[in-house]
Amino acid sequence: MYHTIMRSKVCDVFNSLNNGNYEPIFASLAPKFEHWFIGDHALSGLRTSLPITRAWYERLYRIFPNIHFDLKNIVVQGMPWDTTITVEWDDDYTLLNGQKRSNCGVHIIHFKWAKADSIHIYCDTKLLLDNLAIQAQNGIEDATLPPLIG
């Protein structure tokens, strides 16, 4: 039953993201957490504070305002005090040059007592870098900024 509840909680958060609402993420975070995205680009880096993490989601939606996640596989393992959820996804979005693009990736989220203390995000960074460059060429300055860290 617990795994079903946690799977539903994660689906609800991704559904909110698909509607441009990232606020539910903050309610799901533990007081001490890490939010990490692989690579070296405007969306990469490690965040451990709520204000910087909020700024990261604001940046994500400025760069890819119509991003949509399609969840492919969700694996929930562990007990309430030590739960790992792996979410495999495809995303899609339309770039400012009109091209429809997509990427694929995985979130690995660790929970303690239903609060996320670790979110690690992995995707095809080569494709992401190409898409960031296209957005930057079309005037989205955020796509060229250094990572938000802190």
N, C-alpha and C. Protein backbone atom coordinates (compact mmCIF):
# COMPACT_ATOMS: atom_id res chain seq x y z
N MET A 1 0.82 -1.19 0.00
CA MET A 1 0.00 0.00 0.00
C MET A 1 0.87 1.27 0.00
N TYR A 2 1.92 1.28 0.82
CA TYR A 2 2.80 2.44 0.90
C TYR A 2 3.41 2.76 -0.46
N HIS A 3 3.88 1.74 -1.18
CA HIS A 3 4.49 1.97 -2.49
C HIS A 3 3.48 2.57 -3.46
N THR A 4 2.24 2.15 -3.39
CA THR A 4 1.18 2.70 -4.24
C THR A 4 0.95 4.17 -3.93
N ILE A 5 0.94 4.52 -2.66
CA ILE A 5 0.76 5.92 -2.25
C ILE A 5 1.91 6.78 -2.75
N MET A 6 3.14 6.28 -2.60
CA MET A 6 4.31 7.06 -3.03
C MET A 6 4.35 7.20 -4.55
N ARG A 7 3.99 6.15 -5.26
CA ARG A 7 3.93 6.22 -6.74
C ARG A 7 2.92 7.29 -7.15
N SER A 8 1.77 7.31 -6.49
CA SER A 8 0.73 8.30 -6.79
C SER A 8 1.22 9.71 -6.47
N LYS A 9 1.93 9.87 -5.37
CA LYS A 9 2.47 11.18 -4.99
C LYS A 9 3.42 11.70 -6.06
N VAL A 10 4.30 10.84 -6.56
CA VAL A 10 5.26 11.25 -7.60
C VAL A 10 4.51 11.59 -8.89
N CYS A 11 3.53 10.79 -9.26
CA CYS A 11 2.74 11.09 -10.47
C CYS A 11 2.04 12.43 -10.35
N ASP A 12 1.51 12.72 -9.17
CA ASP A 12 0.84 14.00 -8.96
C ASP A 12 1.79 15.17 -9.14
N VAL A 13 3.02 15.04 -8.63
CA VAL A 13 4.00 16.12 -8.78
C VAL A 13 4.35 16.32 -10.25
N PHE A 14 4.57 15.24 -11.00
CA PHE A 14 4.87 15.38 -12.43
C PHE A 14 3.67 15.94 -13.19
N ASN A 15 2.46 15.57 -12.81
CA ASN A 15 1.28 16.16 -13.45
C ASN A 15 1.22 17.66 -13.20
N SER A 16 1.57 18.08 -12.00
CA SER A 16 1.63 19.52 -11.71
C SER A 16 2.68 20.20 -12.58
N LEU A 17 3.85 19.56 -12.70
CA LEU A 17 4.89 20.12 -13.57
C LEU A 17 4.39 20.27 -14.99
N ASN A 18 3.62 19.30 -15.46
CA ASN A 18 3.08 19.37 -16.82
C ASN A 18 2.11 20.53 -17.00
N ASN A 19 1.58 21.03 -15.90
CA ASN A 19 0.69 22.19 -15.94
C ASN A 19 1.43 23.48 -15.58
N GLY A 20 2.76 23.41 -15.54
CA GLY A 20 3.56 24.60 -15.25
C GLY A 20 3.60 24.96 -13.77
N ASN A 21 3.16 24.07 -12.92
CA ASN A 21 3.10 24.33 -11.49
C ASN A 21 4.16 23.49 -10.76
N TYR A 22 5.21 24.15 -10.30
CA TYR A 22 6.27 23.43 -9.59
C TYR A 22 6.17 23.57 -8.08
N GLU A 23 5.16 24.27 -7.57
CA GLU A 23 4.99 24.45 -6.13
C GLU A 23 4.88 23.13 -5.35
N PRO A 24 4.18 22.11 -5.87
CA PRO A 24 4.09 20.87 -5.10
C PRO A 24 5.44 20.22 -4.80
N ILE A 25 6.44 20.51 -5.61
CA ILE A 25 7.77 19.96 -5.33
C ILE A 25 8.26 20.46 -3.98
N PHE A 26 8.06 21.72 -3.71
CA PHE A 26 8.60 22.30 -2.47
C PHE A 26 7.91 21.71 -1.24
N ALA A 27 6.63 21.39 -1.36
CA ALA A 27 5.92 20.76 -0.24
C ALA A 27 6.42 19.34 0.01
N SER A 28 7.00 18.71 -1.01
CA SER A 28 7.47 17.33 -0.87
C SER A 28 8.90 17.23 -0.35
N LEU A 29 9.61 18.37 -0.24
CA LEU A 29 11.02 18.34 0.16
C LEU A 29 11.19 18.24 1.67
N ALA A 30 12.22 17.50 2.08
CA ALA A 30 12.62 17.43 3.48
C ALA A 30 13.29 18.75 3.85
N PRO A 31 13.40 19.07 5.14
CA PRO A 31 14.08 20.30 5.55
C PRO A 31 15.52 20.39 5.02
N LYS A 32 16.23 19.28 5.00
CA LYS A 32 17.56 19.22 4.38
C LYS A 32 17.45 18.32 3.15
N PHE A 33 17.81 18.86 2.00
CA PHE A 33 17.67 18.11 0.75
C PHE A 33 18.79 18.51 -0.21
N GLU A 34 18.94 17.69 -1.24
CA GLU A 34 19.79 18.08 -2.36
C GLU A 34 19.03 17.85 -3.66
N HIS A 35 19.17 18.81 -4.55
CA HIS A 35 18.53 18.77 -5.87
C HIS A 35 19.68 18.92 -6.87
N TRP A 36 19.96 17.85 -7.61
CA TRP A 36 21.15 17.82 -8.46
C TRP A 36 20.78 17.42 -9.88
N PHE A 37 21.36 18.15 -10.85
CA PHE A 37 21.15 17.86 -12.26
C PHE A 37 22.52 17.67 -12.90
N ILE A 38 22.67 16.57 -13.62
CA ILE A 38 23.95 16.20 -14.24
C ILE A 38 24.39 17.23 -15.27
N GLY A 39 25.70 17.38 -15.45
CA GLY A 39 26.25 18.16 -16.55
C GLY A 39 26.88 19.46 -16.12
N ASP A 40 27.17 20.27 -17.15
CA ASP A 40 27.75 21.60 -16.96
C ASP A 40 27.04 22.54 -17.92
N HIS A 41 25.94 23.12 -17.46
CA HIS A 41 25.10 23.98 -18.28
C HIS A 41 24.18 24.77 -17.37
N ALA A 42 23.28 25.52 -17.92
CA ALA A 42 22.41 26.42 -17.15
C ALA A 42 21.50 25.71 -16.16
N LEU A 43 21.23 24.43 -16.37
CA LEU A 43 20.33 23.69 -15.48
C LEU A 43 21.07 22.72 -14.56
N SER A 44 22.37 22.63 -14.70
CA SER A 44 23.13 21.65 -13.92
C SER A 44 23.42 22.16 -12.51
N GLY A 45 24.09 21.32 -11.75
CA GLY A 45 24.57 21.73 -10.45
C GLY A 45 23.78 21.16 -9.29
N LEU A 46 24.25 21.50 -8.10
CA LEU A 46 23.68 21.02 -6.85
C LEU A 46 23.06 22.18 -6.09
N ARG A 47 21.81 21.98 -5.69
CA ARG A 47 21.11 22.96 -4.88
C ARG A 47 20.69 22.30 -3.57
N THR A 48 20.85 23.04 -2.49
CA THR A 48 20.46 22.54 -1.17
C THR A 48 19.59 23.53 -0.40
N SER A 49 19.22 24.62 -1.04
CA SER A 49 18.36 25.61 -0.38
C SER A 49 17.09 25.79 -1.19
N LEU A 50 16.02 26.09 -0.49
CA LEU A 50 14.73 26.29 -1.14
C LEU A 50 14.74 27.48 -2.11
N PRO A 51 15.31 28.64 -1.74
CA PRO A 51 15.30 29.76 -2.69
C PRO A 51 16.04 29.47 -3.99
N ILE A 52 17.18 28.80 -3.91
CA ILE A 52 17.94 28.49 -5.13
C ILE A 52 17.22 27.42 -5.95
N THR A 53 16.61 26.45 -5.27
CA THR A 53 15.85 25.42 -5.99
C THR A 53 14.64 26.02 -6.68
N ARG A 54 13.97 26.94 -6.00
CA ARG A 54 12.83 27.64 -6.63
C ARG A 54 13.32 28.42 -7.86
N ALA A 55 14.45 29.08 -7.73
CA ALA A 55 15.01 29.83 -8.87
C ALA A 55 15.34 28.89 -10.02
N TRP A 56 15.78 27.66 -9.70
CA TRP A 56 16.09 26.67 -10.74
C TRP A 56 14.82 26.33 -11.52
N TYR A 57 13.70 26.07 -10.83
CA TYR A 57 12.45 25.74 -11.53
C TYR A 57 11.94 26.93 -12.32
N GLU A 58 12.10 28.12 -11.80
CA GLU A 58 11.71 29.31 -12.56
C GLU A 58 12.53 29.40 -13.84
N ARG A 59 13.83 29.11 -13.73
CA ARG A 59 14.69 29.13 -14.92
C ARG A 59 14.28 28.04 -15.90
N LEU A 60 14.02 26.83 -15.42
CA LEU A 60 13.60 25.74 -16.29
C LEU A 60 12.41 26.16 -17.14
N TYR A 61 11.41 26.80 -16.52
CA TYR A 61 10.21 27.18 -17.25
C TYR A 61 10.39 28.42 -18.12
N ARG A 62 11.40 29.24 -17.82
CA ARG A 62 11.72 30.33 -18.75
C ARG A 62 12.40 29.77 -20.00
N ILE A 63 13.22 28.75 -19.82
CA ILE A 63 13.93 28.16 -20.96
C ILE A 63 13.01 27.26 -21.78
N PHE A 64 12.24 26.42 -21.11
CA PHE A 64 11.34 25.48 -21.77
C PHE A 64 9.93 25.66 -21.20
N PRO A 65 9.24 26.72 -21.59
CA PRO A 65 7.95 27.04 -20.95
C PRO A 65 6.86 26.01 -21.18
N ASN A 66 6.96 25.21 -22.21
CA ASN A 66 5.90 24.24 -22.50
C ASN A 66 6.38 22.80 -22.32
N ILE A 67 7.35 22.60 -21.42
CA ILE A 67 7.87 21.25 -21.19
C ILE A 67 6.77 20.34 -20.64
N HIS A 68 6.77 19.12 -21.13
CA HIS A 68 5.78 18.13 -20.70
C HIS A 68 6.48 16.79 -20.51
N PHE A 69 6.22 16.15 -19.37
CA PHE A 69 6.84 14.87 -19.04
C PHE A 69 5.84 13.73 -19.25
N ASP A 70 6.30 12.69 -19.92
CA ASP A 70 5.53 11.46 -20.09
C ASP A 70 6.25 10.38 -19.29
N LEU A 71 5.64 9.93 -18.21
CA LEU A 71 6.28 8.95 -17.34
C LEU A 71 6.19 7.57 -17.97
N LYS A 72 7.33 6.91 -18.06
CA LYS A 72 7.41 5.59 -18.70
C LYS A 72 7.43 4.46 -17.70
N ASN A 73 8.15 4.64 -16.61
CA ASN A 73 8.32 3.57 -15.63
C ASN A 73 8.61 4.20 -14.28
N ILE A 74 7.97 3.70 -13.25
CA ILE A 74 8.20 4.17 -11.89
C ILE A 74 8.46 2.95 -11.02
N VAL A 75 9.62 2.95 -10.36
CA VAL A 75 9.97 1.85 -9.46
C VAL A 75 10.11 2.43 -8.06
N VAL A 76 9.37 1.86 -7.11
CA VAL A 76 9.40 2.29 -5.72
C VAL A 76 9.99 1.14 -4.91
N GLN A 77 11.04 1.46 -4.13
CA GLN A 77 11.69 0.45 -3.31
C GLN A 77 11.92 0.99 -1.91
N GLY A 78 11.80 0.12 -0.93
CA GLY A 78 12.17 0.49 0.42
C GLY A 78 10.99 0.70 1.35
N MET A 79 11.35 1.10 2.54
CA MET A 79 10.40 1.31 3.63
C MET A 79 10.19 2.82 3.81
N PRO A 80 9.19 3.22 4.59
CA PRO A 80 8.89 4.65 4.73
C PRO A 80 10.07 5.51 5.20
N TRP A 81 10.98 4.97 5.94
CA TRP A 81 12.12 5.74 6.44
C TRP A 81 13.30 5.72 5.48
N ASP A 82 13.19 4.94 4.38
CA ASP A 82 14.31 4.82 3.43
C ASP A 82 13.76 4.32 2.10
N THR A 83 13.18 5.23 1.33
CA THR A 83 12.50 4.87 0.08
C THR A 83 13.24 5.50 -1.11
N THR A 84 13.46 4.71 -2.13
CA THR A 84 14.02 5.22 -3.38
C THR A 84 13.00 5.01 -4.49
N ILE A 85 12.75 6.09 -5.22
CA ILE A 85 11.84 6.03 -6.36
C ILE A 85 12.60 6.43 -7.60
N THR A 86 12.56 5.57 -8.59
CA THR A 86 13.19 5.85 -9.88
C THR A 86 12.08 6.10 -10.89
N VAL A 87 12.18 7.24 -11.55
CA VAL A 87 11.16 7.64 -12.53
C VAL A 87 11.84 7.80 -13.89
N GLU A 88 11.47 6.95 -14.82
CA GLU A 88 11.96 7.06 -16.20
C GLU A 88 10.94 7.85 -17.00
N TRP A 89 11.42 8.83 -17.77
CA TRP A 89 10.51 9.72 -18.47
C TRP A 89 11.04 10.11 -19.85
N ASP A 90 10.13 10.53 -20.67
CA ASP A 90 10.42 11.27 -21.90
C ASP A 90 9.80 12.64 -21.69
N ASP A 91 10.46 13.67 -22.19
CA ASP A 91 9.83 14.98 -22.18
C ASP A 91 9.71 15.48 -23.60
N ASP A 92 8.88 16.45 -23.79
CA ASP A 92 8.79 17.10 -25.10
C ASP A 92 8.47 18.56 -24.88
N TYR A 93 8.87 19.36 -25.86
CA TYR A 93 8.68 20.81 -25.81
C TYR A 93 8.90 21.36 -27.20
N THR A 94 8.43 22.57 -27.43
CA THR A 94 8.66 23.25 -28.69
C THR A 94 9.62 24.40 -28.42
N LEU A 95 10.69 24.42 -29.20
CA LEU A 95 11.69 25.48 -29.05
C LEU A 95 11.19 26.76 -29.72
N LEU A 96 11.83 27.87 -29.41
CA LEU A 96 11.40 29.15 -29.97
C LEU A 96 11.56 29.22 -31.49
N ASN A 97 12.41 28.36 -32.07
CA ASN A 97 12.53 28.33 -33.52
C ASN A 97 11.45 27.48 -34.17
N GLY A 98 10.51 26.96 -33.35
CA GLY A 98 9.39 26.18 -33.86
C GLY A 98 9.61 24.68 -33.89
N GLN A 99 10.84 24.24 -33.64
CA GLN A 99 11.13 22.81 -33.66
C GLN A 99 10.55 22.12 -32.43
N LYS A 100 9.90 20.99 -32.68
CA LYS A 100 9.45 20.15 -31.57
C LYS A 100 10.61 19.24 -31.20
N ARG A 101 10.94 19.19 -29.93
CA ARG A 101 12.06 18.39 -29.45
C ARG A 101 11.62 17.53 -28.28
N SER A 102 12.45 16.55 -27.98
CA SER A 102 12.20 15.72 -26.82
C SER A 102 13.54 15.25 -26.26
N ASN A 103 13.49 14.75 -25.06
CA ASN A 103 14.65 14.19 -24.40
C ASN A 103 14.14 13.03 -23.56
N CYS A 104 15.04 12.26 -23.02
CA CYS A 104 14.65 11.18 -22.13
C CYS A 104 15.56 11.23 -20.92
N GLY A 105 15.06 10.72 -19.81
CA GLY A 105 15.88 10.77 -18.62
C GLY A 105 15.29 10.00 -17.47
N VAL A 106 15.96 10.17 -16.34
CA VAL A 106 15.60 9.47 -15.12
C VAL A 106 15.74 10.43 -13.95
N HIS A 107 14.77 10.40 -13.06
CA HIS A 107 14.88 11.02 -11.75
C HIS A 107 15.09 9.88 -10.75
N ILE A 108 16.06 10.03 -9.88
CA ILE A 108 16.22 9.12 -8.76
C ILE A 108 15.98 9.96 -7.51
N ILE A 109 14.92 9.61 -6.80
CA ILE A 109 14.47 10.42 -5.67
C ILE A 109 14.51 9.56 -4.41
N HIS A 110 15.16 10.08 -3.40
CA HIS A 110 15.20 9.38 -2.11
C HIS A 110 14.29 10.10 -1.13
N PHE A 111 13.49 9.31 -0.42
CA PHE A 111 12.55 9.85 0.57
C PHE A 111 12.86 9.28 1.94
N LYS A 112 12.71 10.12 2.95
CA LYS A 112 12.68 9.68 4.34
C LYS A 112 11.34 10.14 4.89
N TRP A 113 10.53 9.20 5.30
CA TRP A 113 9.20 9.50 5.85
C TRP A 113 8.40 10.40 4.90
N ALA A 114 8.37 10.02 3.63
CA ALA A 114 7.57 10.67 2.59
C ALA A 114 8.03 12.09 2.24
N LYS A 115 9.23 12.47 2.65
CA LYS A 115 9.80 13.77 2.28
C LYS A 115 11.08 13.52 1.49
N ALA A 116 11.20 14.16 0.34
CA ALA A 116 12.36 13.96 -0.54
C ALA A 116 13.59 14.66 0.04
N ASP A 117 14.63 13.87 0.29
CA ASP A 117 15.88 14.47 0.75
C ASP A 117 16.95 14.44 -0.34
N SER A 118 16.62 13.84 -1.47
CA SER A 118 17.57 13.80 -2.58
C SER A 118 16.82 13.62 -3.89
N ILE A 119 17.07 14.52 -4.83
CA ILE A 119 16.53 14.41 -6.19
C ILE A 119 17.71 14.53 -7.14
N HIS A 120 17.98 13.46 -7.88
CA HIS A 120 19.05 13.47 -8.88
C HIS A 120 18.40 13.29 -10.25
N ILE A 121 18.78 14.15 -11.20
CA ILE A 121 18.15 14.17 -12.51
C ILE A 121 19.22 13.89 -13.56
N TYR A 122 18.96 12.89 -14.40
CA TYR A 122 19.87 12.49 -15.47
C TYR A 122 19.10 12.53 -16.79
N CYS A 123 19.74 13.07 -17.83
CA CYS A 123 19.12 13.05 -19.16
C CYS A 123 20.23 13.02 -20.21
N ASP A 124 19.84 13.05 -21.47
CA ASP A 124 20.80 13.13 -22.57
C ASP A 124 21.33 14.56 -22.60
N THR A 125 22.50 14.78 -21.99
CA THR A 125 23.01 16.14 -21.86
C THR A 125 23.46 16.72 -23.20
N LYS A 126 23.88 15.90 -24.14
CA LYS A 126 24.26 16.42 -25.46
C LYS A 126 23.04 17.04 -26.13
N LEU A 127 21.94 16.35 -26.10
CA LEU A 127 20.70 16.88 -26.67
C LEU A 127 20.26 18.13 -25.92
N LEU A 128 20.35 18.10 -24.60
CA LEU A 128 19.98 19.27 -23.81
C LEU A 128 20.85 20.47 -24.17
N LEU A 129 22.16 20.27 -24.30
CA LEU A 129 23.05 21.37 -24.68
C LEU A 129 22.67 21.95 -26.03
N ASP A 130 22.33 21.09 -26.98
CA ASP A 130 21.89 21.57 -28.31
C ASP A 130 20.63 22.43 -28.17
N ASN A 131 19.68 21.98 -27.36
CA ASN A 131 18.42 22.71 -27.20
C ASN A 131 18.62 24.01 -26.43
N LEU A 132 19.50 24.01 -25.44
CA LEU A 132 19.82 25.25 -24.74
C LEU A 132 20.43 26.26 -25.71
N ALA A 133 21.30 25.80 -26.60
CA ALA A 133 21.93 26.69 -27.58
C ALA A 133 20.88 27.30 -28.52
N ILE A 134 19.93 26.49 -28.96
CA ILE A 134 18.87 27.01 -29.83
C ILE A 134 18.04 28.05 -29.10
N GLN A 135 17.69 27.78 -27.85
CA GLN A 135 16.91 28.75 -27.08
C GLN A 135 17.70 30.04 -26.88
N ALA A 136 18.99 29.91 -26.62
CA ALA A 136 19.83 31.10 -26.44
C ALA A 136 19.91 31.91 -27.74
N GLN A 137 20.04 31.25 -28.87
CA GLN A 137 20.09 31.93 -30.17
C GLN A 137 18.79 32.68 -30.44
N ASN A 138 17.72 32.25 -29.81
CA ASN A 138 16.42 32.88 -30.02
C ASN A 138 16.03 33.82 -28.88
N GLY A 139 17.03 34.22 -28.08
CA GLY A 139 16.81 35.28 -27.12
C GLY A 139 16.56 34.90 -25.68
N ILE A 140 16.66 33.62 -25.34
CA ILE A 140 16.46 33.23 -23.94
C ILE A 140 17.81 33.23 -23.23
N GLU A 141 18.09 34.34 -22.57
CA GLU A 141 19.38 34.53 -21.90
C GLU A 141 19.62 33.48 -20.82
N ASP A 142 18.57 33.04 -20.14
CA ASP A 142 18.72 32.04 -19.08
C ASP A 142 19.42 30.77 -19.57
N ALA A 143 19.30 30.45 -20.84
CA ALA A 143 19.90 29.23 -21.38
C ALA A 143 21.41 29.29 -21.38
N THR A 144 21.99 30.49 -21.22
CA THR A 144 23.45 30.63 -21.26
C THR A 144 24.06 30.91 -19.89
N LEU A 145 23.24 31.05 -18.89
CA LEU A 145 23.72 31.44 -17.56
C LEU A 145 24.45 30.29 -16.87
N PRO A 146 25.31 30.61 -15.92
CA PRO A 146 25.97 29.54 -15.16
C PRO A 146 24.95 28.82 -14.28
N PRO A 147 25.29 27.60 -13.84
CA PRO A 147 24.36 26.85 -13.00
C PRO A 147 23.99 27.61 -11.72
N LEU A 148 22.78 27.34 -11.26
CA LEU A 148 22.33 27.86 -9.97
C LEU A 148 22.77 26.84 -8.91
N ILE A 149 23.65 27.28 -8.03
CA ILE A 149 24.23 26.39 -7.03
C ILE A 149 24.06 27.02 -5.67
N GLY A 150 23.73 26.21 -4.71
CA GLY A 150 23.66 26.72 -3.35
C GLY A 150 22.48 26.21 -2.58
